Amino acid sequence: MKSIVATLDIATGRETIIYETERHLEAPNWTPDGDTLVVNGNGRLFRLPIAAPSLIEIDTGFATALNNDHGLSPDGRWLVISDASRTPESCIYTLPVDGGVPVRVTSKTPSYWHGWAPDGQTLAYVGKREETRGSFQVFTCSVTGGAETQLTTDFDHCDGPDYSPDGNWIWFNGEKDGDVQLWRMRPDGSDLQRITADERVNWFPHPSPDGRHIVYLAYQAGTSGHPANKDVELRLLPAEGGKPNALLSLFGGQGTLNVPSWAPDSRRFAYVRYEP
């Protein structure tokens, strides 16, 4: 399976291919300086310079079982990763952006990171706990660890919590009775609002840095979970709701758009598509 890392200009609809490889790559982040993407593959993390694309491995110390839930701090100084090297299931860690020894954040597992608050102080993630009765719900905690706060309770499954750039909202996808739609809520879990209500199975909403748009992944109706190797659409939604715009149809799914991937100028976002 070929991995194709690409960007899409939301004004023109133009796709620009950054890198192609037979190696399996997933989940690009865009660094705040706009020069580099960060991707994962085979349990490791890599820089991918846009001007001269090549995979440059990031030293993540003992963490060599990374999944595709990783990102950068708002100031670009830190990385956050989700890794299962020292725990039975995924745990969240932070480390310097140039690499180093990961510092554990979440005491409970499984925990999968998805959002970093604009002030740099709080992480949003999903976790499955005894008190959630086997379902994944949205949690937050300090970037330095400590007690976690559960924000959702009434969903069969939640994923992809990501902060709006003003810090006023957390966007996520939530499932109720088999219907997966996009939702948002205040950072304390209040003012819960459903934003989409269509036939698609909608995952991983990511607000643009200018606060105007939400990009997300739309599976075909009837899809269970967020599997790989499916025909999917990348869609764009006004941040205040409204009719979504289908930007691109591609072969992908898991690994395509799991984490925040907007360019700093809000004109483009990065993603991965695949070719059998």
C-alpha atoms as a PDB file:
ATOM      1  CA  MET A   1       0.000   0.000   0.000  1.00  0.00           C
ATOM      2  CA  LYS A   2       1.424   3.367  -1.016  1.00  0.00           C
ATOM      3  CA  SER A   3       1.090   6.328   1.364  1.00  0.00           C
ATOM      4  CA  ILE A   4       0.669   9.738  -0.263  1.00  0.00           C
ATOM      5  CA  VAL A   5       1.101  12.757   2.002  1.00  0.00           C
ATOM      6  CA  ALA A   6      -0.621  15.747   0.438  1.00  0.00           C
ATOM      7  CA  THR A   7      -2.066  19.179   1.133  1.00  0.00           C
ATOM      8  CA  LEU A   8      -5.286  20.729  -0.123  1.00  0.00           C
ATOM      9  CA  ASP A   9      -5.890  24.412  -0.804  1.00  0.00           C
ATOM     10  CA  ILE A  10      -9.433  25.107   0.389  1.00  0.00           C
ATOM     11  CA  ALA A  11      -9.950  28.076  -1.968  1.00  0.00           C
ATOM     12  CA  THR A  12      -8.865  26.392  -5.197  1.00  0.00           C
ATOM     13  CA  GLY A  13      -9.388  22.716  -4.345  1.00  0.00           C
ATOM     14  CA  ARG A  14      -5.864  22.048  -5.592  1.00  0.00           C
ATOM     15  CA  GLU A  15      -4.054  19.036  -4.177  1.00  0.00           C
ATOM     16  CA  THR A  16      -0.278  19.219  -3.790  1.00  0.00           C
ATOM     17  CA  ILE A  17       1.549  15.936  -3.231  1.00  0.00           C
ATOM     18  CA  ILE A  18       4.361  16.343  -0.702  1.00  0.00           C
ATOM     19  CA  TYR A  19       5.690  12.805  -0.381  1.00  0.00           C
ATOM     20  CA  GLU A  20       4.995   9.281  -1.629  1.00  0.00           C
ATOM     21  CA  THR A  21       6.318   6.074  -0.115  1.00  0.00           C
ATOM     22  CA  GLU A  22       5.631   2.368   0.166  1.00  0.00           C
ATOM     23  CA  ARG A  23       6.004   2.839   3.921  1.00  0.00           C
ATOM     24  CA  HIS A  24       2.775   3.218   5.876  1.00  0.00           C
ATOM     25  CA  LEU A  25       2.430   6.803   7.129  1.00  0.00           C
ATOM     26  CA  GLU A  26      -0.409   8.461   9.012  1.00  0.00           C
ATOM     27  CA  ALA A  27      -1.786  11.613  10.602  1.00  0.00           C
ATOM     28  CA  PRO A  28       0.197  14.699   9.536  1.00  0.00           C
ATOM     29  CA  ASN A  29       0.556  17.694  11.837  1.00  0.00           C
ATOM     30  CA  TRP A  30       1.748  21.049  10.539  1.00  0.00           C
ATOM     31  CA  THR A  31       4.429  22.865  12.545  1.00  0.00           C
ATOM     32  CA  PRO A  32       3.622  26.474  13.570  1.00  0.00           C
ATOM     33  CA  ASP A  33       6.363  27.855  11.295  1.00  0.00           C
ATOM     34  CA  GLY A  34       4.666  26.257   8.276  1.00  0.00           C
ATOM     35  CA  ASP A  35       7.851  24.535   7.102  1.00  0.00           C
ATOM     36  CA  THR A  36       7.407  20.948   8.242  1.00  0.00           C
ATOM     37  CA  LEU A  37       4.888  18.170   8.673  1.00  0.00           C
ATOM     38  CA  VAL A  38       5.084  15.583  11.461  1.00  0.00           C
ATOM     39  CA  VAL A  39       3.835  12.079  10.659  1.00  0.00           C
ATOM     40  CA  ASN A  40       3.913   8.672  12.299  1.00  0.00           C
ATOM     41  CA  GLY A  41       4.623   5.254  10.860  1.00  0.00           C
ATOM     42  CA  ASN A  42       5.370   1.812  12.276  1.00  0.00           C
ATOM     43  CA  GLY A  43       5.397   3.080  15.854  1.00  0.00           C
ATOM     44  CA  ARG A  44       7.789   5.969  15.191  1.00  0.00           C
ATOM     45  CA  LEU A  45       7.503   9.709  14.576  1.00  0.00           C
ATOM     46  CA  PHE A  46       9.078  11.632  11.687  1.00  0.00           C
ATOM     47  CA  ARG A  47       9.632  15.170  10.465  1.00  0.00           C
ATOM     48  CA  LEU A  48       8.802  15.738   6.812  1.00  0.00           C
ATOM     49  CA  PRO A  49      10.252  19.072   5.577  1.00  0.00           C
ATOM     50  CA  ILE A  50       7.984  20.465   2.883  1.00  0.00           C
ATOM     51  CA  ALA A  51      10.691  22.158   0.804  1.00  0.00           C
ATOM     52  CA  ALA A  52      12.911  19.059   0.653  1.00  0.00           C
ATOM     53  CA  PRO A  53      10.702  16.108   1.605  1.00  0.00           C
ATOM     54  CA  SER A  54      12.357  13.181   3.363  1.00  0.00           C
ATOM     55  CA  LEU A  55      11.563  11.278   6.527  1.00  0.00           C
ATOM     56  CA  ILE A  56      13.697  12.397   9.469  1.00  0.00           C
ATOM     57  CA  GLU A  57      13.089  10.267  12.543  1.00  0.00           C
ATOM     58  CA  ILE A  58      12.400  12.078  15.812  1.00  0.00           C
ATOM     59  CA  ASP A  59      14.025  10.611  18.905  1.00  0.00           C
ATOM     60  CA  THR A  60      11.138   9.607  21.175  1.00  0.00           C
ATOM     61  CA  GLY A  61      13.277   7.692  23.665  1.00  0.00           C
ATOM     62  CA  PHE A  62      11.661   4.536  24.982  1.00  0.00           C
ATOM     63  CA  ALA A  63       8.408   5.315  23.147  1.00  0.00           C
ATOM     64  CA  THR A  64       8.539   3.132  20.050  1.00  0.00           C
ATOM     65  CA  ALA A  65       4.926   1.982  19.900  1.00  0.00           C
ATOM     66  CA  LEU A  66       3.273   5.255  18.922  1.00  0.00           C
ATOM     67  CA  ASN A  67      -0.173   5.335  17.370  1.00  0.00           C
ATOM     68  CA  ASN A  68      -1.429   8.162  15.153  1.00  0.00           C
ATOM     69  CA  ASP A  69      -2.624  10.502  17.913  1.00  0.00           C
ATOM     70  CA  HIS A  70       0.194  13.044  18.198  1.00  0.00           C
ATOM     71  CA  GLY A  71       0.631  16.792  17.844  1.00  0.00           C
ATOM     72  CA  LEU A  72       2.476  19.984  18.705  1.00  0.00           C
ATOM     73  CA  SER A  73       2.006  22.583  21.420  1.00  0.00           C
ATOM     74  CA  PRO A  74       0.641  25.988  20.358  1.00  0.00           C
ATOM     75  CA  ASP A  75       4.112  27.542  20.763  1.00  0.00           C
ATOM     76  CA  GLY A  76       5.737  24.732  18.766  1.00  0.00           C
ATOM     77  CA  ARG A  77       8.171  23.799  21.557  1.00  0.00           C
ATOM     78  CA  TRP A  78       6.650  20.465  22.576  1.00  0.00           C
ATOM     79  CA  LEU A  79       5.327  17.277  21.096  1.00  0.00           C
ATOM     80  CA  VAL A  80       2.529  15.194  22.551  1.00  0.00           C
ATOM     81  CA  ILE A  81       2.319  11.489  21.724  1.00  0.00           C
ATOM     82  CA  SER A  82       0.116   8.501  22.481  1.00  0.00           C
ATOM     83  CA  ASP A  83       2.189   5.385  23.031  1.00  0.00           C
ATOM     84  CA  ALA A  84       1.885   1.879  24.471  1.00  0.00           C
ATOM     85  CA  SER A  85       5.564   0.974  25.009  1.00  0.00           C
ATOM     86  CA  ARG A  86       5.345   0.893  28.816  1.00  0.00           C
ATOM     87  CA  THR A  87       1.630   0.406  29.358  1.00  0.00           C
ATOM     88  CA  PRO A  88      -0.795  -2.289  28.174  1.00  0.00           C
ATOM     89  CA  GLU A  89      -2.787   0.358  26.273  1.00  0.00           C
ATOM     90  CA  SER A  90      -2.163   3.844  24.932  1.00  0.00           C
ATOM     91  CA  CYS A  91      -0.830   6.483  27.335  1.00  0.00           C
ATOM     92  CA  ILE A  92      -0.156  10.205  26.701  1.00  0.00           C
ATOM     93  CA  TYR A  93       3.326  11.726  27.013  1.00  0.00           C
ATOM     94  CA  THR A  94       5.031  15.025  26.172  1.00  0.00           C
ATOM     95  CA  LEU A  95       8.604  15.622  25.016  1.00  0.00           C
ATOM     96  CA  PRO A  96      10.646  18.447  23.444  1.00  0.00           C
ATOM     97  CA  VAL A  97       9.913  19.092  19.772  1.00  0.00           C
ATOM     98  CA  ASP A  98      13.472  18.114  18.787  1.00  0.00           C
ATOM     99  CA  GLY A  99      13.145  14.799  20.626  1.00  0.00           C
ATOM    100  CA  GLY A 100      14.022  13.504  24.051  1.00  0.00           C
ATOM    101  CA  VAL A 101      12.713  11.445  26.934  1.00  0.00           C
ATOM    102  CA  PRO A 102       8.899  11.366  27.089  1.00  0.00           C
ATOM    103  CA  VAL A 103       7.237  12.567  30.303  1.00  0.00           C
ATOM    104  CA  ARG A 104       4.051  10.757  31.243  1.00  0.00           C
ATOM    105  CA  VAL A 105       0.873  12.844  31.446  1.00  0.00           C
ATOM    106  CA  THR A 106      -2.107  10.511  31.923  1.00  0.00           C
ATOM    107  CA  SER A 107      -2.083   8.119  34.834  1.00  0.00           C
ATOM    108  CA  LYS A 108      -4.937   6.043  33.394  1.00  0.00           C
ATOM    109  CA  THR A 109      -5.090   4.078  30.161  1.00  0.00           C
ATOM    110  CA  PRO A 110      -6.213   3.799  27.453  1.00  0.00           C
ATOM    111  CA  SER A 111      -5.808   7.500  26.665  1.00  0.00           C
ATOM    112  CA  TYR A 112      -5.523   8.937  23.150  1.00  0.00           C
ATOM    113  CA  TRP A 113      -4.546  12.601  22.706  1.00  0.00           C
ATOM    114  CA  HIS A 114      -6.352  14.869  20.249  1.00  0.00           C
ATOM    115  CA  GLY A 115      -6.276  18.540  21.279  1.00  0.00           C
ATOM    116  CA  TRP A 116      -4.053  21.118  22.987  1.00  0.00           C
ATOM    117  CA  ALA A 117      -5.719  24.203  24.482  1.00  0.00           C
ATOM    118  CA  PRO A 118      -4.570  27.490  22.900  1.00  0.00           C
ATOM    119  CA  ASP A 119      -3.094  28.697  26.201  1.00  0.00           C
ATOM    120  CA  GLY A 120      -0.876  25.606  26.280  1.00  0.00           C
ATOM    121  CA  GLN A 121      -2.067  24.495  29.722  1.00  0.00           C
ATOM    122  CA  THR A 122      -4.611  21.723  29.023  1.00  0.00           C
ATOM    123  CA  LEU A 123      -4.864  18.606  26.873  1.00  0.00           C
ATOM    124  CA  ALA A 124      -8.075  17.082  25.501  1.00  0.00           C
ATOM    125  CA  TYR A 125      -8.232  13.357  24.825  1.00  0.00           C
ATOM    126  CA  VAL A 126     -10.454  10.318  24.808  1.00  0.00           C
ATOM    127  CA  GLY A 127     -10.260   7.524  27.315  1.00  0.00           C
ATOM    128  CA  LYS A 128     -12.044   4.390  28.386  1.00  0.00           C
ATOM    129  CA  ARG A 129     -12.484   3.949  32.122  1.00  0.00           C
ATOM    130  CA  GLU A 130     -14.347   1.668  34.494  1.00  0.00           C
ATOM    131  CA  GLU A 131     -16.756   4.519  35.203  1.00  0.00           C
ATOM    132  CA  THR A 132     -17.462   4.986  31.471  1.00  0.00           C
ATOM    133  CA  ARG A 133     -18.700   1.380  31.286  1.00  0.00           C
ATOM    134  CA  GLY A 134     -16.451   0.423  28.406  1.00  0.00           C
ATOM    135  CA  SER A 135     -17.128   3.443  26.184  1.00  0.00           C
ATOM    136  CA  PHE A 136     -14.649   6.106  25.103  1.00  0.00           C
ATOM    137  CA  GLN A 137     -15.505   9.560  26.450  1.00  0.00           C
ATOM    138  CA  VAL A 138     -13.834  12.979  26.280  1.00  0.00           C
ATOM    139  CA  PHE A 139     -11.479  14.004  29.093  1.00  0.00           C
ATOM    140  CA  THR A 140      -9.155  16.915  29.840  1.00  0.00           C
ATOM    141  CA  CYS A 141      -6.214  17.287  32.182  1.00  0.00           C
ATOM    142  CA  SER A 142      -3.307  19.615  32.821  1.00  0.00           C
ATOM    143  CA  VAL A 143      -0.380  19.274  30.436  1.00  0.00           C
ATOM    144  CA  THR A 144       1.683  18.371  33.508  1.00  0.00           C
ATOM    145  CA  GLY A 145      -0.691  15.543  34.463  1.00  0.00           C
ATOM    146  CA  GLY A 146      -2.750  15.110  37.594  1.00  0.00           C
ATOM    147  CA  ALA A 147      -6.481  14.649  37.976  1.00  0.00           C
ATOM    148  CA  GLU A 148      -8.521  14.299  34.808  1.00  0.00           C
ATOM    149  CA  THR A 149     -11.971  15.768  34.142  1.00  0.00           C
ATOM    150  CA  GLN A 150     -14.590  13.757  32.259  1.00  0.00           C
ATOM    151  CA  LEU A 151     -16.581  16.031  29.936  1.00  0.00           C
ATOM    152  CA  THR A 152     -18.984  13.640  28.156  1.00  0.00           C
ATOM    153  CA  THR A 153     -21.181  10.905  29.584  1.00  0.00           C
ATOM    154  CA  ASP A 154     -24.129  10.093  27.323  1.00  0.00           C
ATOM    155  CA  PHE A 155     -22.369   8.914  24.170  1.00  0.00           C
ATOM    156  CA  ASP A 156     -21.783   5.370  22.990  1.00  0.00           C
ATOM    157  CA  HIS A 157     -18.387   6.497  21.687  1.00  0.00           C
ATOM    158  CA  CYS A 158     -16.456   9.768  21.379  1.00  0.00           C
ATOM    159  CA  ASP A 159     -13.285  10.662  19.509  1.00  0.00           C
ATOM    160  CA  GLY A 160     -11.200  13.499  18.100  1.00  0.00           C
ATOM    161  CA  PRO A 161     -11.658  16.327  20.651  1.00  0.00           C
ATOM    162  CA  ASP A 162      -9.944  19.468  19.324  1.00  0.00           C
ATOM    163  CA  TYR A 163     -10.047  23.052  20.629  1.00  0.00           C
ATOM    164  CA  SER A 164     -11.252  26.052  18.653  1.00  0.00           C
ATOM    165  CA  PRO A 165      -8.443  28.629  18.325  1.00  0.00           C
ATOM    166  CA  ASP A 166     -10.139  31.018  20.776  1.00  0.00           C
ATOM    167  CA  GLY A 167     -10.383  28.234  23.352  1.00  0.00           C
ATOM    168  CA  ASN A 168     -14.151  28.629  23.684  1.00  0.00           C
ATOM    169  CA  TRP A 169     -15.133  25.249  22.232  1.00  0.00           C
ATOM    170  CA  ILE A 170     -14.049  21.648  22.069  1.00  0.00           C
ATOM    171  CA  TRP A 171     -15.137  19.918  18.856  1.00  0.00           C
ATOM    172  CA  PHE A 172     -15.466  16.130  18.680  1.00  0.00           C
ATOM    173  CA  ASN A 173     -17.335  13.310  16.985  1.00  0.00           C
ATOM    174  CA  GLY A 174     -19.901  11.512  19.088  1.00  0.00           C
ATOM    175  CA  GLU A 175     -21.932   8.376  18.478  1.00  0.00           C
ATOM    176  CA  LYS A 176     -25.443   7.760  19.743  1.00  0.00           C
ATOM    177  CA  ASP A 177     -27.434   4.702  18.664  1.00  0.00           C
ATOM    178  CA  GLY A 178     -25.127   4.089  15.728  1.00  0.00           C
ATOM    179  CA  ASP A 179     -25.311   7.678  14.434  1.00  0.00           C
ATOM    180  CA  VAL A 180     -21.891   9.393  14.381  1.00  0.00           C
ATOM    181  CA  GLN A 181     -22.060  13.180  14.015  1.00  0.00           C
ATOM    182  CA  LEU A 182     -19.983  16.237  14.881  1.00  0.00           C
ATOM    183  CA  TRP A 183     -20.554  18.000  18.184  1.00  0.00           C
ATOM    184  CA  ARG A 184     -19.077  20.843  20.166  1.00  0.00           C
ATOM    185  CA  MET A 185     -19.166  21.874  23.810  1.00  0.00           C
ATOM    186  CA  ARG A 186     -17.580  24.356  26.150  1.00  0.00           C
ATOM    187  CA  PRO A 187     -14.237  23.344  27.718  1.00  0.00           C
ATOM    188  CA  ASP A 188     -16.063  22.467  30.933  1.00  0.00           C
ATOM    189  CA  GLY A 189     -18.497  20.172  29.082  1.00  0.00           C
ATOM    190  CA  SER A 190     -21.443  22.581  29.145  1.00  0.00           C
ATOM    191  CA  ASP A 191     -23.528  23.915  26.238  1.00  0.00           C
ATOM    192  CA  LEU A 192     -23.366  20.671  24.245  1.00  0.00           C
ATOM    193  CA  GLN A 193     -24.434  21.199  20.610  1.00  0.00           C
ATOM    194  CA  ARG A 194     -24.844  18.805  17.712  1.00  0.00           C
ATOM    195  CA  ILE A 195     -23.526  20.445  14.538  1.00  0.00           C
ATOM    196  CA  THR A 196     -24.045  17.889  11.754  1.00  0.00           C
ATOM    197  CA  ALA A 197     -27.119  15.757  11.135  1.00  0.00           C
ATOM    198  CA  ASP A 198     -26.753  13.868   7.881  1.00  0.00           C
ATOM    199  CA  GLU A 199     -26.436  10.342   6.527  1.00  0.00           C
ATOM    200  CA  ARG A 200     -22.648  10.304   6.687  1.00  0.00           C
ATOM    201  CA  VAL A 201     -20.514   8.837   9.474  1.00  0.00           C
ATOM    202  CA  ASN A 202     -18.517  11.934  10.484  1.00  0.00           C
ATOM    203  CA  TRP A 203     -15.163  11.846  12.292  1.00  0.00           C
ATOM    204  CA  PHE A 204     -12.265  14.010  13.452  1.00  0.00           C
ATOM    205  CA  PRO A 205     -13.356  17.671  13.247  1.00  0.00           C
ATOM    206  CA  HIS A 206     -10.436  20.124  13.212  1.00  0.00           C
ATOM    207  CA  PRO A 207     -10.981  23.904  13.498  1.00  0.00           C
ATOM    208  CA  SER A 208      -8.812  26.122  11.293  1.00  0.00           C
ATOM    209  CA  PRO A 209      -6.368  28.498  13.038  1.00  0.00           C
ATOM    210  CA  ASP A 210      -8.417  31.522  11.935  1.00  0.00           C
ATOM    211  CA  GLY A 211     -11.548  29.996  13.480  1.00  0.00           C
ATOM    212  CA  ARG A 212     -13.591  30.094  10.283  1.00  0.00           C
ATOM    213  CA  HIS A 213     -13.744  26.460   9.162  1.00  0.00           C
ATOM    214  CA  ILE A 214     -13.886  22.869  10.339  1.00  0.00           C
ATOM    215  CA  VAL A 215     -12.324  20.130   8.217  1.00  0.00           C
ATOM    216  CA  TYR A 216     -13.383  16.565   8.897  1.00  0.00           C
ATOM    217  CA  LEU A 217     -13.521  13.024   7.550  1.00  0.00           C
ATOM    218  CA  ALA A 218     -16.842  11.672   6.257  1.00  0.00           C
ATOM    219  CA  TYR A 219     -17.354   7.930   5.857  1.00  0.00           C
ATOM    220  CA  GLN A 220     -20.144   6.389   3.855  1.00  0.00           C
ATOM    221  CA  ALA A 221     -23.402   5.654   5.668  1.00  0.00           C
ATOM    222  CA  GLY A 222     -23.350   2.433   7.640  1.00  0.00           C
ATOM    223  CA  THR A 223     -19.613   2.436   8.365  1.00  0.00           C
ATOM    224  CA  SER A 224     -18.716   1.087  11.805  1.00  0.00           C
ATOM    225  CA  GLY A 225     -15.875   2.796  13.648  1.00  0.00           C
ATOM    226  CA  HIS A 226     -13.161   4.616  11.703  1.00  0.00           C
ATOM    227  CA  PRO A 227     -11.563   1.860   9.616  1.00  0.00           C
ATOM    228  CA  ALA A 228      -8.725   2.122   7.133  1.00  0.00           C
ATOM    229  CA  ASN A 229      -8.945   1.448   3.406  1.00  0.00           C
ATOM    230  CA  LYS A 230     -12.327   2.968   2.683  1.00  0.00           C
ATOM    231  CA  ASP A 231     -13.708   5.417   0.160  1.00  0.00           C
ATOM    232  CA  VAL A 232     -14.117   8.616   2.185  1.00  0.00           C
ATOM    233  CA  GLU A 233     -14.579  12.345   1.730  1.00  0.00           C
ATOM    234  CA  LEU A 234     -12.767  15.312   3.198  1.00  0.00           C
ATOM    235  CA  ARG A 235     -15.407  17.911   4.021  1.00  0.00           C
ATOM    236  CA  LEU A 236     -15.332  21.559   5.056  1.00  0.00           C
ATOM    237  CA  LEU A 237     -17.912  23.104   7.379  1.00  0.00           C
ATOM    238  CA  PRO A 238     -18.412  26.716   8.509  1.00  0.00           C
ATOM    239  CA  ALA A 239     -17.391  26.916  12.149  1.00  0.00           C
ATOM    240  CA  GLU A 240     -20.827  28.206  13.151  1.00  0.00           C
ATOM    241  CA  GLY A 241     -22.569  25.378  11.323  1.00  0.00           C
ATOM    242  CA  GLY A 242     -24.336  25.166   7.998  1.00  0.00           C
ATOM    243  CA  LYS A 243     -24.025  23.062   4.884  1.00  0.00           C
ATOM    244  CA  PRO A 244     -20.735  21.161   4.517  1.00  0.00           C
ATOM    245  CA  ASN A 245     -18.740  21.275   1.311  1.00  0.00           C
ATOM    246  CA  ALA A 246     -17.264  18.020  -0.008  1.00  0.00           C
ATOM    247  CA  LEU A 247     -13.700  18.946  -0.945  1.00  0.00           C
ATOM    248  CA  LEU A 248     -12.187  15.656  -2.046  1.00  0.00           C
ATOM    249  CA  SER A 249     -13.042  11.969  -2.380  1.00  0.00           C
ATOM    250  CA  LEU A 250     -10.180   9.574  -1.679  1.00  0.00           C
ATOM    251  CA  PHE A 251      -9.164   6.104  -0.510  1.00  0.00           C
ATOM    252  CA  GLY A 252      -8.251   6.364   3.147  1.00  0.00           C
ATOM    253  CA  GLY A 253      -9.886   6.573   6.559  1.00  0.00           C
ATOM    254  CA  GLN A 254      -7.847   5.637   9.605  1.00  0.00           C
ATOM    255  CA  GLY A 255      -4.608   7.598   9.320  1.00  0.00           C
ATOM    256  CA  THR A 256      -5.922  10.190   6.856  1.00  0.00           C
ATOM    257  CA  LEU A 257      -6.970  13.021   9.193  1.00  0.00           C
ATOM    258  CA  ASN A 258      -6.812  11.842  12.805  1.00  0.00           C
ATOM    259  CA  VAL A 259      -5.115  14.899  14.295  1.00  0.00           C
ATOM    260  CA  PRO A 260      -4.899  18.703  13.809  1.00  0.00           C
ATOM    261  CA  SER A 261      -3.307  19.277  10.390  1.00  0.00           C
ATOM    262  CA  TRP A 262      -4.082  22.857   9.311  1.00  0.00           C
ATOM    263  CA  ALA A 263      -1.367  25.116   7.911  1.00  0.00           C
ATOM    264  CA  PRO A 264      -0.764  28.179  10.130  1.00  0.00           C
ATOM    265  CA  ASP A 265      -2.278  30.453   7.447  1.00  0.00           C
ATOM    266  CA  SER A 266      -5.568  28.460   7.432  1.00  0.00           C
ATOM    267  CA  ARG A 267      -5.425  28.187   3.648  1.00  0.00           C
ATOM    268  CA  ARG A 268      -4.430  24.526   3.465  1.00  0.00           C
ATOM    269  CA  PHE A 269      -4.494  21.349   5.496  1.00  0.00           C
ATOM    270  CA  ALA A 270      -2.489  18.135   5.231  1.00  0.00           C
ATOM    271  CA  TYR A 271      -3.713  14.552   5.020  1.00  0.00           C
ATOM    272  CA  VAL A 272      -2.690  11.082   3.856  1.00  0.00           C
ATOM    273  CA  ARG A 273      -4.384   9.068   1.157  1.00  0.00           C
ATOM    274  CA  TYR A 274      -3.490   5.568   0.097  1.00  0.00           C
ATOM    275  CA  GLU A 275      -3.116   3.588  -3.112  1.00  0.00           C
ATOM    276  CA  PRO A 276      -3.493  -0.214  -3.076  1.00  0.00           C
END
